Every structure is written in structure tokens, then in C-alpha cells.
Amino acid sequence: MRLKELRLQKGLSVPQLVELSGVPRRTIQDIEKNDNCKLDTAIKLADVLEVSLDELAGRTFP
């Protein structure tokens, strides 16, 4: 999961991402640490970061 990398690229702090996404701070911190989350949470974060779920997950295709 590229959440922290993408968040920093957008110039967002964790509190700003919390406000924009509605995802709790602790959840964001856990995702950045453990690299996994629920699909509905990933969708909210991808929408705010303006990326696809594949990009958020760090998936690449040949």
C-alpha cells in the first residue's frame, strides 16, 4: 500500500487526510504501518488522493 507515499506527494498531513476522507486518524496510521485496509476505506482514500485502487495498492501490470 502506497498510502504514505501518495499522501506526502499530495502535500497532505495525516490530520488533513482525516478531514478530507472521514477515515479516523488511527486507521490511517495503521494502514501506513501495516499496509492493509478494508475495501471501503481504500476507496475513500483513493478518491481523496485522486488515484486508482491499483495505484494506491502499488499494483503494476506488465
PDB file of N, CA and C in Angstrom:
ATOM      1  N   MET A   1       0.861  -1.177   0.000  1.00  0.00           N
ATOM      2  CA  MET A   1       0.000   0.000   0.000  1.00  0.00           C
ATOM      3  C   MET A   1       0.899   1.228   0.000  1.00  0.00           C
ATOM      4  N   ARG A   2       0.608   2.146  -0.890  1.00  0.00           N
ATOM      5  CA  ARG A   2       1.434   3.349  -1.059  1.00  0.00           C
ATOM      6  C   ARG A   2       0.804   4.576  -0.403  1.00  0.00           C
ATOM      7  N   LEU A   3       0.008   4.383   0.624  1.00  0.00           N
ATOM      8  CA  LEU A   3      -0.732   5.498   1.212  1.00  0.00           C
ATOM      9  C   LEU A   3       0.183   6.635   1.658  1.00  0.00           C
ATOM     10  N   LYS A   4       1.193   6.330   2.441  1.00  0.00           N
ATOM     11  CA  LYS A   4       2.054   7.396   2.949  1.00  0.00           C
ATOM     12  C   LYS A   4       2.759   8.118   1.809  1.00  0.00           C
ATOM     13  N   GLU A   5       3.284   7.372   0.861  1.00  0.00           N
ATOM     14  CA  GLU A   5       3.971   7.964  -0.278  1.00  0.00           C
ATOM     15  C   GLU A   5       3.052   8.903  -1.058  1.00  0.00           C
ATOM     16  N   LEU A   6       1.840   8.444  -1.340  1.00  0.00           N
ATOM     17  CA  LEU A   6       0.887   9.247  -2.102  1.00  0.00           C
ATOM     18  C   LEU A   6       0.405  10.459  -1.296  1.00  0.00           C
ATOM     19  N   ARG A   7       0.194  10.258  -0.011  1.00  0.00           N
ATOM     20  CA  ARG A   7      -0.229  11.360   0.859  1.00  0.00           C
ATOM     21  C   ARG A   7       0.823  12.463   0.852  1.00  0.00           C
ATOM     22  N   LEU A   8       2.087  12.069   0.983  1.00  0.00           N
ATOM     23  CA  LEU A   8       3.170  13.053   1.002  1.00  0.00           C
ATOM     24  C   LEU A   8       3.328  13.733  -0.352  1.00  0.00           C
ATOM     25  N   GLN A   9       3.133  12.990  -1.438  1.00  0.00           N
ATOM     26  CA  GLN A   9       3.206  13.590  -2.778  1.00  0.00           C
ATOM     27  C   GLN A   9       2.160  14.684  -2.951  1.00  0.00           C
ATOM     28  N   LYS A  10       0.993  14.491  -2.334  1.00  0.00           N
ATOM     29  CA  LYS A  10      -0.079  15.488  -2.408  1.00  0.00           C
ATOM     30  C   LYS A  10       0.114  16.621  -1.401  1.00  0.00           C
ATOM     31  N   GLY A  11       1.143  16.493  -0.553  1.00  0.00           N
ATOM     32  CA  GLY A  11       1.410  17.527   0.446  1.00  0.00           C
ATOM     33  C   GLY A  11       0.420  17.526   1.591  1.00  0.00           C
ATOM     34  N   LEU A  12      -0.139  16.364   1.900  1.00  0.00           N
ATOM     35  CA  LEU A  12      -1.149  16.258   2.956  1.00  0.00           C
ATOM     36  C   LEU A  12      -0.560  15.679   4.231  1.00  0.00           C
ATOM     37  N   SER A  13      -0.932  16.259   5.351  1.00  0.00           N
ATOM     38  CA  SER A  13      -0.587  15.677   6.647  1.00  0.00           C
ATOM     39  C   SER A  13      -1.651  14.636   6.981  1.00  0.00           C
ATOM     40  N   VAL A  14      -1.381  13.827   7.994  1.00  0.00           N
ATOM     41  CA  VAL A  14      -2.385  12.847   8.428  1.00  0.00           C
ATOM     42  C   VAL A  14      -3.672  13.557   8.861  1.00  0.00           C
ATOM     43  N   PRO A  15      -3.598  14.618   9.682  1.00  0.00           N
ATOM     44  CA  PRO A  15      -4.844  15.304  10.062  1.00  0.00           C
ATOM     45  C   PRO A  15      -5.633  15.846   8.863  1.00  0.00           C
ATOM     46  N   GLN A  16      -4.937  16.326   7.843  1.00  0.00           N
ATOM     47  CA  GLN A  16      -5.635  16.807   6.652  1.00  0.00           C
ATOM     48  C   GLN A  16      -6.324  15.654   5.924  1.00  0.00           C
ATOM     49  N   LEU A  17      -5.654  14.517   5.821  1.00  0.00           N
ATOM     50  CA  LEU A  17      -6.253  13.357   5.165  1.00  0.00           C
ATOM     51  C   LEU A  17      -7.456  12.850   5.952  1.00  0.00           C
ATOM     52  N   VAL A  18      -7.370  12.900   7.268  1.00  0.00           N
ATOM     53  CA  VAL A  18      -8.508  12.529   8.119  1.00  0.00           C
ATOM     54  C   VAL A  18      -9.704  13.413   7.797  1.00  0.00           C
ATOM     55  N   GLU A  19      -9.474  14.714   7.737  1.00  0.00           N
ATOM     56  CA  GLU A  19     -10.555  15.669   7.486  1.00  0.00           C
ATOM     57  C   GLU A  19     -11.175  15.472   6.104  1.00  0.00           C
ATOM     58  N   LEU A  20     -10.336  15.268   5.103  1.00  0.00           N
ATOM     59  CA  LEU A  20     -10.833  15.126   3.735  1.00  0.00           C
ATOM     60  C   LEU A  20     -11.531  13.792   3.476  1.00  0.00           C
ATOM     61  N   SER A  21     -11.062  12.738   4.119  1.00  0.00           N
ATOM     62  CA  SER A  21     -11.576  11.393   3.828  1.00  0.00           C
ATOM     63  C   SER A  21     -12.628  10.901   4.807  1.00  0.00           C
ATOM     64  N   GLY A  22     -12.605  11.423   6.019  1.00  0.00           N
ATOM     65  CA  GLY A  22     -13.507  10.914   7.045  1.00  0.00           C
ATOM     66  C   GLY A  22     -13.011   9.615   7.664  1.00  0.00           C
ATOM     67  N   VAL A  23     -11.806   9.208   7.308  1.00  0.00           N
ATOM     68  CA  VAL A  23     -11.206   7.993   7.864  1.00  0.00           C
ATOM     69  C   VAL A  23     -10.492   8.384   9.157  1.00  0.00           C
ATOM     70  N   PRO A  24     -10.727   7.643  10.247  1.00  0.00           N
ATOM     71  CA  PRO A  24     -10.096   8.000  11.524  1.00  0.00           C
ATOM     72  C   PRO A  24      -8.571   8.003  11.458  1.00  0.00           C
ATOM     73  N   ARG A  25      -7.981   8.895  12.234  1.00  0.00           N
ATOM     74  CA  ARG A  25      -6.516   9.037  12.280  1.00  0.00           C
ATOM     75  C   ARG A  25      -5.825   7.709  12.581  1.00  0.00           C
ATOM     76  N   ARG A  26      -6.327   7.007  13.564  1.00  0.00           N
ATOM     77  CA  ARG A  26      -5.712   5.730  13.966  1.00  0.00           C
ATOM     78  C   ARG A  26      -5.732   4.734  12.801  1.00  0.00           C
ATOM     79  N   THR A  27      -6.827   4.731  12.045  1.00  0.00           N
ATOM     80  CA  THR A  27      -6.938   3.831  10.895  1.00  0.00           C
ATOM     81  C   THR A  27      -5.877   4.171   9.853  1.00  0.00           C
ATOM     82  N   ILE A  28      -5.709   5.456   9.565  1.00  0.00           N
ATOM     83  CA  ILE A  28      -4.699   5.873   8.596  1.00  0.00           C
ATOM     84  C   ILE A  28      -3.308   5.480   9.081  1.00  0.00           C
ATOM     85  N   GLN A  29      -3.036   5.710  10.350  1.00  0.00           N
ATOM     86  CA  GLN A  29      -1.739   5.334  10.902  1.00  0.00           C
ATOM     87  C   GLN A  29      -1.516   3.824  10.797  1.00  0.00           C
ATOM     88  N   ASP A  30      -2.550   3.036  11.084  1.00  0.00           N
ATOM     89  CA  ASP A  30      -2.446   1.576  10.983  1.00  0.00           C
ATOM     90  C   ASP A  30      -2.202   1.134   9.544  1.00  0.00           C
ATOM     91  N   ILE A  31      -2.887   1.761   8.600  1.00  0.00           N
ATOM     92  CA  ILE A  31      -2.698   1.413   7.185  1.00  0.00           C
ATOM     93  C   ILE A  31      -1.267   1.723   6.760  1.00  0.00           C
ATOM     94  N   GLU A  32      -0.770   2.879   7.148  1.00  0.00           N
ATOM     95  CA  GLU A  32       0.588   3.250   6.768  1.00  0.00           C
ATOM     96  C   GLU A  32       1.626   2.324   7.398  1.00  0.00           C
ATOM     97  N   LYS A  33       1.314   1.782   8.552  1.00  0.00           N
ATOM     98  CA  LYS A  33       2.239   0.879   9.240  1.00  0.00           C
ATOM     99  C   LYS A  33       2.119  -0.565   8.737  1.00  0.00           C
ATOM    100  N   ASN A  34       0.882  -1.038   8.544  1.00  0.00           N
ATOM    101  CA  ASN A  34       0.645  -2.455   8.259  1.00  0.00           C
ATOM    102  C   ASN A  34       0.323  -2.776   6.804  1.00  0.00           C
ATOM    103  N   ASP A  35       0.131  -1.750   5.991  1.00  0.00           N
ATOM    104  CA  ASP A  35      -0.095  -1.939   4.551  1.00  0.00           C
ATOM    105  C   ASP A  35      -1.351  -2.715   4.169  1.00  0.00           C
ATOM    106  N   ASN A  36      -2.405  -2.637   4.962  1.00  0.00           N
ATOM    107  CA  ASN A  36      -3.661  -3.248   4.526  1.00  0.00           C
ATOM    108  C   ASN A  36      -4.844  -2.509   5.135  1.00  0.00           C
ATOM    109  N   CYS A  37      -5.985  -2.613   4.439  1.00  0.00           N
ATOM    110  CA  CYS A  37      -7.192  -1.975   4.935  1.00  0.00           C
ATOM    111  C   CYS A  37      -8.409  -2.572   4.245  1.00  0.00           C
ATOM    112  N   LYS A  38      -9.576  -2.196   4.738  1.00  0.00           N
ATOM    113  CA  LYS A  38     -10.835  -2.636   4.133  1.00  0.00           C
ATOM    114  C   LYS A  38     -11.039  -1.918   2.803  1.00  0.00           C
ATOM    115  N   LEU A  39     -11.773  -2.556   1.930  1.00  0.00           N
ATOM    116  CA  LEU A  39     -12.013  -2.004   0.598  1.00  0.00           C
ATOM    117  C   LEU A  39     -12.716  -0.648   0.671  1.00  0.00           C
ATOM    118  N   ASP A  40     -13.734  -0.519   1.503  1.00  0.00           N
ATOM    119  CA  ASP A  40     -14.456   0.758   1.571  1.00  0.00           C
ATOM    120  C   ASP A  40     -13.546   1.892   2.051  1.00  0.00           C
ATOM    121  N   THR A  41     -12.619   1.592   2.931  1.00  0.00           N
ATOM    122  CA  THR A  41     -11.651   2.590   3.389  1.00  0.00           C
ATOM    123  C   THR A  41     -10.693   2.954   2.262  1.00  0.00           C
ATOM    124  N   ALA A  42     -10.222   1.952   1.529  1.00  0.00           N
ATOM    125  CA  ALA A  42      -9.312   2.189   0.401  1.00  0.00           C
ATOM    126  C   ALA A  42      -9.979   3.066  -0.656  1.00  0.00           C
ATOM    127  N   ILE A  43     -11.263   2.850  -0.901  1.00  0.00           N
ATOM    128  CA  ILE A  43     -11.985   3.646  -1.891  1.00  0.00           C
ATOM    129  C   ILE A  43     -12.031   5.116  -1.455  1.00  0.00           C
ATOM    130  N   LYS A  44     -12.331   5.359  -0.189  1.00  0.00           N
ATOM    131  CA  LYS A  44     -12.364   6.740   0.319  1.00  0.00           C
ATOM    132  C   LYS A  44     -11.008   7.420   0.158  1.00  0.00           C
ATOM    133  N   LEU A  45      -9.955   6.693   0.519  1.00  0.00           N
ATOM    134  CA  LEU A  45      -8.615   7.266   0.444  1.00  0.00           C
ATOM    135  C   LEU A  45      -8.177   7.502  -0.999  1.00  0.00           C
ATOM    136  N   ALA A  46      -8.466   6.547  -1.873  1.00  0.00           N
ATOM    137  CA  ALA A  46      -8.109   6.693  -3.288  1.00  0.00           C
ATOM    138  C   ALA A  46      -8.841   7.889  -3.903  1.00  0.00           C
ATOM    139  N   ASP A  47     -10.104   8.066  -3.539  1.00  0.00           N
ATOM    140  CA  ASP A  47     -10.872   9.200  -4.054  1.00  0.00           C
ATOM    141  C   ASP A  47     -10.239  10.533  -3.643  1.00  0.00           C
ATOM    142  N   VAL A  48      -9.878  10.647  -2.374  1.00  0.00           N
ATOM    143  CA  VAL A  48      -9.282  11.890  -1.879  1.00  0.00           C
ATOM    144  C   VAL A  48      -7.924  12.132  -2.535  1.00  0.00           C
ATOM    145  N   LEU A  49      -7.161  11.070  -2.711  1.00  0.00           N
ATOM    146  CA  LEU A  49      -5.819  11.200  -3.296  1.00  0.00           C
ATOM    147  C   LEU A  49      -5.851  11.247  -4.825  1.00  0.00           C
ATOM    148  N   GLU A  50      -7.042  11.046  -5.389  1.00  0.00           N
ATOM    149  CA  GLU A  50      -7.246  11.086  -6.842  1.00  0.00           C
ATOM    150  C   GLU A  50      -6.370  10.061  -7.566  1.00  0.00           C
ATOM    151  N   VAL A  51      -6.394   8.829  -7.051  1.00  0.00           N
ATOM    152  CA  VAL A  51      -5.662   7.723  -7.663  1.00  0.00           C
ATOM    153  C   VAL A  51      -6.594   6.520  -7.759  1.00  0.00           C
ATOM    154  N   SER A  52      -6.207   5.552  -8.571  1.00  0.00           N
ATOM    155  CA  SER A  52      -6.979   4.312  -8.656  1.00  0.00           C
ATOM    156  C   SER A  52      -6.646   3.420  -7.467  1.00  0.00           C
ATOM    157  N   LEU A  53      -7.491   2.435  -7.234  1.00  0.00           N
ATOM    158  CA  LEU A  53      -7.211   1.475  -6.171  1.00  0.00           C
ATOM    159  C   LEU A  53      -5.923   0.709  -6.459  1.00  0.00           C
ATOM    160  N   ASP A  54      -5.694   0.380  -7.732  1.00  0.00           N
ATOM    161  CA  ASP A  54      -4.457  -0.313  -8.096  1.00  0.00           C
ATOM    162  C   ASP A  54      -3.244   0.542  -7.746  1.00  0.00           C
ATOM    163  N   GLU A  55      -3.310   1.838  -8.055  1.00  0.00           N
ATOM    164  CA  GLU A  55      -2.192   2.724  -7.754  1.00  0.00           C
ATOM    165  C   GLU A  55      -1.981   2.832  -6.249  1.00  0.00           C
ATOM    166  N   LEU A  56      -3.069   2.957  -5.499  1.00  0.00           N
ATOM    167  CA  LEU A  56      -2.981   3.029  -4.033  1.00  0.00           C
ATOM    168  C   LEU A  56      -2.348   1.761  -3.473  1.00  0.00           C
ATOM    169  N   ALA A  57      -2.727   0.627  -4.037  1.00  0.00           N
ATOM    170  CA  ALA A  57      -2.211  -0.659  -3.565  1.00  0.00           C
ATOM    171  C   ALA A  57      -0.790  -0.932  -4.053  1.00  0.00           C
ATOM    172  N   GLY A  58      -0.314  -0.128  -5.001  1.00  0.00           N
ATOM    173  CA  GLY A  58       1.020  -0.339  -5.523  1.00  0.00           C
ATOM    174  C   GLY A  58       1.103  -1.449  -6.555  1.00  0.00           C
ATOM    175  N   ARG A  59      -0.048  -1.787  -7.159  1.00  0.00           N
ATOM    176  CA  ARG A  59      -0.082  -2.847  -8.159  1.00  0.00           C
ATOM    177  C   ARG A  59       0.309  -2.295  -9.514  1.00  0.00           C
ATOM    178  N   THR A  60       1.141  -3.042 -10.193  1.00  0.00           N
ATOM    179  CA  THR A  60       1.513  -2.675 -11.557  1.00  0.00           C
ATOM    180  C   THR A  60       1.283  -3.872 -12.466  1.00  0.00           C
ATOM    181  N   PHE A  61       0.992  -3.593 -13.691  1.00  0.00           N
ATOM    182  CA  PHE A  61       0.729  -4.651 -14.655  1.00  0.00           C
ATOM    183  C   PHE A  61       1.723  -4.514 -15.819  1.00  0.00           C
ATOM    184  N   PRO A  62       2.154  -5.635 -16.335  1.00  0.00           N
ATOM    185  CA  PRO A  62       3.124  -5.590 -17.446  1.00  0.00           C
ATOM    186  C   PRO A  62       2.570  -4.929 -18.692  1.00  0.00           C
TER     187      PRO A  62
END
